[in-house]
PDB file of N, CA and C in Angstrom:
ATOM      1  N   MET A   1       0.795  -0.926   0.002  1.00  0.00           N
ATOM      2  CA  MET A   1       0.077   0.076   0.274  1.00  0.00           C
ATOM      3  C   MET A   1       0.977   0.922  -0.225  1.00  0.00           C
ATOM      4  N   THR A   2       0.604   2.298  -0.741  1.00  0.00           N
ATOM      5  CA  THR A   2       1.153   3.382  -1.032  1.00  0.00           C
ATOM      6  C   THR A   2       0.811   4.687   0.544  1.00  0.00           C
ATOM      7  N   PRO A   3       2.023   4.994   0.453  1.00  0.00           N
ATOM      8  CA  PRO A   3       1.951   6.075   1.949  1.00  0.00           C
ATOM      9  C   PRO A   3       1.228   6.820   1.706  1.00  0.00           C
ATOM     10  N   PRO A   4       0.301   7.695   2.735  1.00  0.00           N
ATOM     11  CA  PRO A   4      -0.176   9.109   2.198  1.00  0.00           C
ATOM     12  C   PRO A   4       0.895  10.157   1.468  1.00  0.00           C
ATOM     13  N   ILE A   5      -0.171  10.839   0.479  1.00  0.00           N
ATOM     14  CA  ILE A   5       0.878  11.897   0.104  1.00  0.00           C
ATOM     15  C   ILE A   5       0.765  13.234   1.079  1.00  0.00           C
ATOM     16  N   PRO A   6       1.195  14.022   1.495  1.00  0.00           N
ATOM     17  CA  PRO A   6       1.349  15.058   2.751  1.00  0.00           C
ATOM     18  C   PRO A   6       0.780  16.300   1.177  1.00  0.00           C
ATOM     19  N   ILE A   7      -0.467  17.019   1.636  1.00  0.00           N
ATOM     20  CA  ILE A   7      -1.193  18.162   0.800  1.00  0.00           C
ATOM     21  C   ILE A   7      -1.038  19.069   2.024  1.00  0.00           C
ATOM     22  N   GLU A   8      -0.280  20.088   1.723  1.00  0.00           N
ATOM     23  CA  GLU A   8      -0.225  21.555   2.091  1.00  0.00           C
ATOM     24  C   GLU A   8      -1.379  22.430   1.845  1.00  0.00           C
ATOM     25  N   ASN A   9      -1.415  22.974   2.466  1.00  0.00           N
ATOM     26  CA  ASN A   9      -3.011  24.113   2.579  1.00  0.00           C
ATOM     27  C   ASN A   9      -2.137  25.638   2.196  1.00  0.00           C
ATOM     28  N   ARG A  10      -1.034  26.343   1.298  1.00  0.00           N
ATOM     29  CA  ARG A  10      -0.168  27.414   1.533  1.00  0.00           C
ATOM     30  C   ARG A  10      -1.253  28.623   0.792  1.00  0.00           C
ATOM     31  N   ALA A  11      -2.164  27.946   0.463  1.00  0.00           N
ATOM     32  CA  ALA A  11      -2.850  29.278  -0.016  1.00  0.00           C
ATOM     33  C   ALA A  11      -3.938  29.869   0.782  1.00  0.00           C
ATOM     34  N   GLY A  12      -4.307  29.379   1.783  1.00  0.00           N
ATOM     35  CA  GLY A  12      -4.926  29.742   3.073  1.00  0.00           C
ATOM     36  C   GLY A  12      -6.391  29.556   2.935  1.00  0.00           C
ATOM     37  N   LEU A  13      -6.708  28.427   1.816  1.00  0.00           N
ATOM     38  CA  LEU A  13      -8.004  28.264   1.687  1.00  0.00           C
ATOM     39  C   LEU A  13      -8.896  27.756   2.879  1.00  0.00           C
ATOM     40  N   THR A  14     -10.480  28.276   2.683  1.00  0.00           N
ATOM     41  CA  THR A  14     -10.982  27.902   3.980  1.00  0.00           C
ATOM     42  C   THR A  14     -11.036  25.992   4.013  1.00  0.00           C
ATOM     43  N   ASP A  15     -11.471  25.093   4.767  1.00  0.00           N
ATOM     44  CA  ASP A  15     -11.687  24.062   5.118  1.00  0.00           C
ATOM     45  C   ASP A  15     -12.654  23.644   3.694  1.00  0.00           C
ATOM     46  N   PRO A  16     -13.661  24.422   3.827  1.00  0.00           N
ATOM     47  CA  PRO A  16     -14.853  23.794   2.869  1.00  0.00           C
ATOM     48  C   PRO A  16     -14.001  23.650   1.580  1.00  0.00           C
ATOM     49  N   GLU A  17     -12.872  24.726   1.249  1.00  0.00           N
ATOM     50  CA  GLU A  17     -12.891  25.131  -0.501  1.00  0.00           C
ATOM     51  C   GLU A  17     -11.421  23.817  -0.588  1.00  0.00           C
ATOM     52  N   PHE A  18     -10.453  23.597   0.439  1.00  0.00           N
ATOM     53  CA  PHE A  18      -9.746  22.967   0.365  1.00  0.00           C
ATOM     54  C   PHE A  18      -9.687  21.253   0.354  1.00  0.00           C
ATOM     55  N   ALA A  19     -11.014  20.762   0.992  1.00  0.00           N
ATOM     56  CA  ALA A  19     -11.135  19.508   1.596  1.00  0.00           C
ATOM     57  C   ALA A  19     -11.237  19.001   0.220  1.00  0.00           C
ATOM     58  N   PRO A  20     -12.181  19.208  -1.029  1.00  0.00           N
ATOM     59  CA  PRO A  20     -12.448  18.444  -1.696  1.00  0.00           C
ATOM     60  C   PRO A  20     -10.969  18.348  -2.881  1.00  0.00           C
ATOM     61  N   LEU A  21     -10.065  19.412  -3.126  1.00  0.00           N
ATOM     62  CA  LEU A  21      -9.251  19.486  -4.129  1.00  0.00           C
ATOM     63  C   LEU A  21      -8.496  18.423  -3.401  1.00  0.00           C
ATOM     64  N   ALA A  22      -8.079  18.804  -1.788  1.00  0.00           N
ATOM     65  CA  ALA A  22      -7.045  17.803  -1.441  1.00  0.00           C
ATOM     66  C   ALA A  22      -7.414  15.946  -1.534  1.00  0.00           C
ATOM     67  N   ALA A  23      -8.998  16.047  -1.496  1.00  0.00           N
ATOM     68  CA  ALA A  23      -9.449  14.605  -1.816  1.00  0.00           C
ATOM     69  C   ALA A  23      -9.287  14.166  -3.601  1.00  0.00           C
ATOM     70  N   GLU A  24      -9.265  14.951  -4.086  1.00  0.00           N
ATOM     71  CA  GLU A  24      -8.530  14.432  -5.362  1.00  0.00           C
ATOM     72  C   GLU A  24      -7.099  14.334  -5.404  1.00  0.00           C
ATOM     73  N   LEU A  25      -6.219  15.275  -4.673  1.00  0.00           N
ATOM     74  CA  LEU A  25      -5.217  14.827  -4.772  1.00  0.00           C
ATOM     75  C   LEU A  25      -3.881  13.768  -4.350  1.00  0.00           C
ATOM     76  N   ALA A  26      -4.876  13.313  -2.965  1.00  0.00           N
ATOM     77  CA  ALA A  26      -4.730  12.388  -2.455  1.00  0.00           C
ATOM     78  C   ALA A  26      -3.985  11.316  -3.319  1.00  0.00           C
ATOM     79  N   GLY A  27      -5.198  10.683  -4.458  1.00  0.00           N
ATOM     80  CA  GLY A  27      -4.326   9.519  -5.034  1.00  0.00           C
ATOM     81  C   GLY A  27      -3.274   9.840  -6.009  1.00  0.00           C
ATOM     82  N   GLN A  28      -2.498  11.670  -5.830  1.00  0.00           N
ATOM     83  CA  GLN A  28      -1.713  11.335  -7.102  1.00  0.00           C
ATOM     84  C   GLN A  28      -0.252  11.111  -6.638  1.00  0.00           C
ATOM     85  N   SER A  29       0.129   9.709  -6.058  1.00  0.00           N
ATOM     86  CA  SER A  29       1.516   9.081  -5.772  1.00  0.00           C
ATOM     87  C   SER A  29       2.870   9.330  -6.612  1.00  0.00           C
ATOM     88  N   THR A  30       1.948   9.395  -8.054  1.00  0.00           N
ATOM     89  CA  THR A  30       2.921   9.787  -8.652  1.00  0.00           C
ATOM     90  C   THR A  30       2.731  10.367  -9.988  1.00  0.00           C
ATOM     91  N   ILE A  31       3.822  11.039 -10.733  1.00  0.00           N
ATOM     92  CA  ILE A  31       3.519  12.289 -11.473  1.00  0.00           C
ATOM     93  C   ILE A  31       3.011  11.317 -12.667  1.00  0.00           C
ATOM     94  N   THR A  32       2.943  10.380 -13.306  1.00  0.00           N
ATOM     95  CA  THR A  32       1.739   9.699 -14.341  1.00  0.00           C
ATOM     96  C   THR A  32       0.469  10.057 -13.735  1.00  0.00           C
ATOM     97  N   ARG A  33       0.282   9.188 -12.306  1.00  0.00           N
ATOM     98  CA  ARG A  33      -1.185   9.900 -11.916  1.00  0.00           C
ATOM     99  C   ARG A  33      -1.420  11.354 -12.058  1.00  0.00           C
ATOM    100  N   ALA A  34      -0.835  12.045 -11.526  1.00  0.00           N
ATOM    101  CA  ALA A  34      -1.175  13.587 -11.617  1.00  0.00           C
ATOM    102  C   ALA A  34      -1.416  13.689 -12.970  1.00  0.00           C
ATOM    103  N   LEU A  35      -0.693  13.893 -13.781  1.00  0.00           N
ATOM    104  CA  LEU A  35      -0.837  13.964 -15.413  1.00  0.00           C
ATOM    105  C   LEU A  35      -1.773  13.185 -16.348  1.00  0.00           C
ATOM    106  N   GLY A  36      -2.639  12.489 -15.674  1.00  0.00           N
ATOM    107  CA  GLY A  36      -3.977  11.875 -16.083  1.00  0.00           C
ATOM    108  C   GLY A  36      -4.477  12.674 -15.434  1.00  0.00           C
ATOM    109  N   TRP A  37      -4.398  13.009 -14.247  1.00  0.00           N
ATOM    110  CA  TRP A  37      -5.819  14.140 -13.264  1.00  0.00           C
ATOM    111  C   TRP A  37      -5.938  15.371 -13.940  1.00  0.00           C
ATOM    112  N   PHE A  38      -4.426  15.669 -14.662  1.00  0.00           N
ATOM    113  CA  PHE A  38      -4.251  17.343 -15.618  1.00  0.00           C
ATOM    114  C   PHE A  38      -5.164  16.426 -16.713  1.00  0.00           C
ATOM    115  N   SER A  39      -5.254  16.343 -17.155  1.00  0.00           N
ATOM    116  CA  SER A  39      -5.956  15.809 -18.814  1.00  0.00           C
ATOM    117  C   SER A  39      -7.516  15.837 -18.355  1.00  0.00           C
ATOM    118  N   SER A  40      -8.159  15.211 -17.254  1.00  0.00           N
ATOM    119  CA  SER A  40      -9.314  14.882 -16.925  1.00  0.00           C
ATOM    120  C   SER A  40      -9.953  15.801 -16.487  1.00  0.00           C
ATOM    121  N   GLN A  41      -9.235  17.191 -15.948  1.00  0.00           N
ATOM    122  CA  GLN A  41      -9.903  18.247 -15.926  1.00  0.00           C
ATOM    123  C   GLN A  41     -10.444  19.128 -17.069  1.00  0.00           C
ATOM    124  N   THR A  42     -11.777  19.865 -16.500  1.00  0.00           N
ATOM    125  CA  THR A  42     -12.032  21.073 -17.682  1.00  0.00           C
ATOM    126  C   THR A  42     -12.120  22.419 -17.739  1.00  0.00           C
ATOM    127  N   PRO A  43     -11.034  22.874 -18.357  1.00  0.00           N
ATOM    128  CA  PRO A  43     -10.112  22.526 -19.192  1.00  0.00           C
ATOM    129  C   PRO A  43      -8.901  21.906 -18.715  1.00  0.00           C
ATOM    130  N   PRO A  44      -8.319  20.922 -19.417  1.00  0.00           N
ATOM    131  CA  PRO A  44      -7.154  20.117 -18.964  1.00  0.00           C
ATOM    132  C   PRO A  44      -6.206  21.327 -18.293  1.00  0.00           C
ATOM    133  N   LEU A  45      -4.911  20.719 -17.328  1.00  0.00           N
ATOM    134  CA  LEU A  45      -4.465  21.539 -16.591  1.00  0.00           C
ATOM    135  C   LEU A  45      -2.861  21.133 -17.383  1.00  0.00           C
ATOM    136  N   ALA A  46      -2.074  21.490 -17.457  1.00  0.00           N
ATOM    137  CA  ALA A  46      -0.712  21.803 -17.843  1.00  0.00           C
ATOM    138  C   ALA A  46       0.432  22.154 -16.749  1.00  0.00           C
ATOM    139  N   PRO A  47       1.425  21.891 -17.131  1.00  0.00           N
ATOM    140  CA  PRO A  47       2.439  22.359 -16.172  1.00  0.00           C
ATOM    141  C   PRO A  47       2.733  23.046 -16.562  1.00  0.00           C
ATOM    142  N   ASP A  48       3.501  24.346 -15.884  1.00  0.00           N
ATOM    143  CA  ASP A  48       3.804  25.586 -16.373  1.00  0.00           C
ATOM    144  C   ASP A  48       5.143  26.236 -16.173  1.00  0.00           C
ATOM    145  N   GLY A  49       5.560  25.770 -15.053  1.00  0.00           N
ATOM    146  CA  GLY A  49       7.292  25.785 -14.621  1.00  0.00           C
ATOM    147  C   GLY A  49       7.701  24.415 -14.266  1.00  0.00           C
ATOM    148  N   MET A  50       9.014  24.738 -13.356  1.00  0.00           N
ATOM    149  CA  MET A  50       9.547  23.556 -12.845  1.00  0.00           C
ATOM    150  C   MET A  50      10.760  24.635 -12.304  1.00  0.00           C
ATOM    151  N   VAL A  51      10.958  24.393 -10.925  1.00  0.00           N
ATOM    152  CA  VAL A  51      11.783  24.824 -10.131  1.00  0.00           C
ATOM    153  C   VAL A  51      12.728  24.092  -9.881  1.00  0.00           C
ATOM    154  N   THR A  52      14.073  23.463 -10.394  1.00  0.00           N
ATOM    155  CA  THR A  52      14.859  23.070  -9.809  1.00  0.00           C
ATOM    156  C   THR A  52      15.969  22.531  -8.324  1.00  0.00           C
ATOM    157  N   GLN A  53      15.743  21.816  -7.640  1.00  0.00           N
ATOM    158  CA  GLN A  53      15.907  22.217  -6.453  1.00  0.00           C
ATOM    159  C   GLN A  53      17.581  21.751  -5.933  1.00  0.00           C
ATOM    160  N   ASP A  54      17.839  20.358  -6.743  1.00  0.00           N
ATOM    161  CA  ASP A  54      19.053  19.980  -6.580  1.00  0.00           C
ATOM    162  C   ASP A  54      18.950  18.783  -7.961  1.00  0.00           C
ATOM    163  N   GLU A  55      20.421  17.933  -8.217  1.00  0.00           N
ATOM    164  CA  GLU A  55      20.340  17.358  -9.013  1.00  0.00           C
ATOM    165  C   GLU A  55      19.472  16.098  -9.312  1.00  0.00           C
ATOM    166  N   PHE A  56      18.150  16.123  -8.040  1.00  0.00           N
ATOM    167  CA  PHE A  56      17.975  15.001  -7.994  1.00  0.00           C
ATOM    168  C   PHE A  56      16.205  15.158  -7.706  1.00  0.00           C
ATOM    169  N   SER A  57      16.006  16.368  -7.264  1.00  0.00           N
ATOM    170  CA  SER A  57      14.634  16.407  -7.159  1.00  0.00           C
ATOM    171  C   SER A  57      14.344  18.140  -7.741  1.00  0.00           C
ATOM    172  N   PHE A  58      13.024  18.207  -7.640  1.00  0.00           N
ATOM    173  CA  PHE A  58      12.221  19.618  -8.460  1.00  0.00           C
ATOM    174  C   PHE A  58      11.040  19.580  -8.082  1.00  0.00           C
ATOM    175  N   ASP A  59      10.382  20.777  -8.229  1.00  0.00           N
ATOM    176  CA  ASP A  59       9.308  21.269  -8.203  1.00  0.00           C
ATOM    177  C   ASP A  59       8.129  21.137  -9.666  1.00  0.00           C
ATOM    178  N   LEU A  60       7.352  21.057  -9.551  1.00  0.00           N
ATOM    179  CA  LEU A  60       6.630  21.021 -10.698  1.00  0.00           C
ATOM    180  C   LEU A  60       5.077  22.012 -10.295  1.00  0.00           C
ATOM    181  N   LEU A  61       5.277  23.061 -11.346  1.00  0.00           N
ATOM    182  CA  LEU A  61       4.386  24.319 -11.143  1.00  0.00           C
ATOM    183  C   LEU A  61       3.450  24.535 -11.484  1.00  0.00           C
ATOM    184  N   VAL A  62       1.939  23.952 -11.244  1.00  0.00           N
ATOM    185  CA  VAL A  62       0.671  23.567 -12.893  1.00  0.00           C
ATOM    186  C   VAL A  62      -0.444  24.737 -11.973  1.00  0.00           C
ATOM    187  N   PRO A  63      -0.768  25.943 -12.636  1.00  0.00           N
ATOM    188  CA  PRO A  63      -1.639  26.667 -12.559  1.00  0.00           C
ATOM    189  C   PRO A  63      -3.111  25.877 -12.931  1.00  0.00           C
ATOM    190  N   CYS A  64      -3.822  26.653 -11.675  1.00  0.00           N
ATOM    191  CA  CYS A  64      -4.966  25.474 -11.203  1.00  0.00           C
ATOM    192  C   CYS A  64      -6.311  26.807 -11.248  1.00  0.00           C
ATOM    193  N   SER A  65      -7.227  26.422 -11.093  1.00  0.00           N
ATOM    194  CA  SER A  65      -8.527  27.254 -11.083  1.00  0.00           C
ATOM    195  C   SER A  65      -8.362  28.550 -10.031  1.00  0.00           C
ATOM    196  N   ARG A  66      -9.169  29.260 -10.376  1.00  0.00           N
ATOM    197  CA  ARG A  66      -8.790  31.185  -9.317  1.00  0.00           C
ATOM    198  C   ARG A  66      -7.551  31.597  -9.193  1.00  0.00           C
ATOM    199  N   GLY A  67      -6.678  31.682  -9.973  1.00  0.00           N
ATOM    200  CA  GLY A  67      -4.969  31.836  -9.707  1.00  0.00           C
ATOM    201  C   GLY A  67      -4.635  31.195  -9.081  1.00  0.00           C
ATOM    202  N   LEU A  68      -4.526  30.249  -8.583  1.00  0.00           N
ATOM    203  CA  LEU A  68      -4.034  29.318  -7.954  1.00  0.00           C
ATOM    204  C   LEU A  68      -3.022  28.130  -8.634  1.00  0.00           C
ATOM    205  N   TYR A  69      -1.846  27.995  -7.771  1.00  0.00           N
ATOM    206  CA  TYR A  69      -0.920  26.788  -8.303  1.00  0.00           C
ATOM    207  C   TYR A  69      -0.889  25.599  -7.620  1.00  0.00           C
ATOM    208  N   LEU A  70      -0.394  24.617  -8.033  1.00  0.00           N
ATOM    209  CA  LEU A  70      -0.418  23.484  -7.371  1.00  0.00           C
ATOM    210  C   LEU A  70       1.046  23.059  -7.490  1.00  0.00           C
ATOM    211  N   ALA A  71       1.673  22.841  -6.279  1.00  0.00           N
ATOM    212  CA  ALA A  71       3.303  22.730  -6.338  1.00  0.00           C
ATOM    213  C   ALA A  71       3.651  21.029  -6.464  1.00  0.00           C
ATOM    214  N   TYR A  72       4.137  20.703  -7.344  1.00  0.00           N
ATOM    215  CA  TYR A  72       4.137  18.867  -7.232  1.00  0.00           C
ATOM    216  C   TYR A  72       6.232  18.778  -6.449  1.00  0.00           C
ATOM    217  N   ASP A  73       5.976  18.869  -5.591  1.00  0.00           N
ATOM    218  CA  ASP A  73       7.407  18.306  -4.968  1.00  0.00           C
ATOM    219  C   ASP A  73       8.013  16.988  -5.516  1.00  0.00           C
ATOM    220  N   THR A  74       8.711  16.493  -6.439  1.00  0.00           N
ATOM    221  CA  THR A  74       8.997  15.368  -6.976  1.00  0.00           C
ATOM    222  C   THR A  74      10.548  15.133  -6.600  1.00  0.00           C
ATOM    223  N   ASN A  75      11.134  13.833  -6.494  1.00  0.00           N
ATOM    224  CA  ASN A  75      12.254  13.434  -5.958  1.00  0.00           C
ATOM    225  C   ASN A  75      12.457  12.062  -6.691  1.00  0.00           C
TER     226      ASN A  75
END
């Protein structure tokens, strides 16, 4: 079983705003799963940037609704 993915509310969303998004993101334990979720959205989401942390990890930035961004910490 895959351990739960930590999801942080750094945008300061209220619990009613954050809970549905967190529930959808919880199953994204791989970038492949995240990309599948991106394409299932209306309109589809797409990565907009990447921040290199070191030679092994980076943050993938994805614009979301209402001017918010999702940041995926990968390694």
